[in-house]
């Protein structure tokens, strides 16, 4: 079996990537500050095969079930691949639920704490397991991996708002690290519930996305409305900033149009096209205009992004994620073009049908080993 070690092109810093051995389930319920865990800053990954979760829809956006392996074709950088397996996904799920619990989310958090009981029966199933993370200026493990529905519910219910910063990218990175320790035969899912932007993270979005792709973590995001959280947050001391958005200067050379203002505030983040976005991210272009983390991570891993402003909207998003997770096909293949460096684009189609196949847009392969 050919084994090639993938090195991230951004290893100018201390961050590497490695896929650690499976970690046994812990029953401790004492919150652990993950930002103080030194081991979590580096891990390596060996790529032997690629797994692509595929959701098939027709023109009316209806999910298509009942397809078999020989109906699928997969292209890696426009080169057709020999598929090792195509399975309807019944694989048990390992999920990290990462919830924004900072001052911005204070008024919205009571809605979120009610959804703990939905996770086990709807999303995880009988053999699923979940861990719960809360993040503000810190990233805290509130509940290690467990399949006990009561422990999951309790961990979510007991969340309280903390400090003002929201270290979103750090929370994504630490969640990926936890998932990388689970059995590789389990599906690794990250469910982020929080704003689609970042405030104060040390981790870099591109490196974190690469880690998610190389460890087969699919990221789903339920986006707290930035407008709602801003309107409901406690006023800062000594007084709130009542200035209009237009009074804040844009970066040099960027006009203050509705589009750029939306990008600057994290609004409408789901409008970016996945393939150009991924290619731009991996070019290491320093002048890239910031993309909201929610958009980057969901499109980059084949997940989905939702938003909510009410309890019903949040519950509907959980139900939709559950339907997607339990209606996907798992396509496995060993790339026959591993020598190609750079971004590998993945395309999937169903022979003889005009179906839309939603999957991860691709992955990054270094040309040097």
Foldseek 3Di string as FASTA:
>chain_A
DDKDWFFAPPPPDVETAAQDAADDFDFDQDKDFPVPVVVLRYHTFIDFKAKKKKWWAAPVRHTDFDDADVQKWKAKQNHTFDFPGKFQDPFFAEEEEEEEAALLCQVVLQLFLQCLLVCQVQAGDDRYWYWYWYFFPTIITRGTIDNDSVSSSVSSNPGHHHHHFGAVLVNLSVLLSSQSNHDLRHQAEYEYEEALAGGDHPDDLLVSLQSCRSSLYAYEYAHEDSVVSVVPGDADPPGHDPDDLVVDDDPPPDDPDPVVSCQVSQHPLQPDDLPVVNQVSSVPDPPDRDGGSNNNRNQQFLHYYHYDDDSVRVVVSSNVRSVRVNSIMMIMGGDPPLLDFFWIAMDMDGPPGPMDMGIRRTHGGHNDD
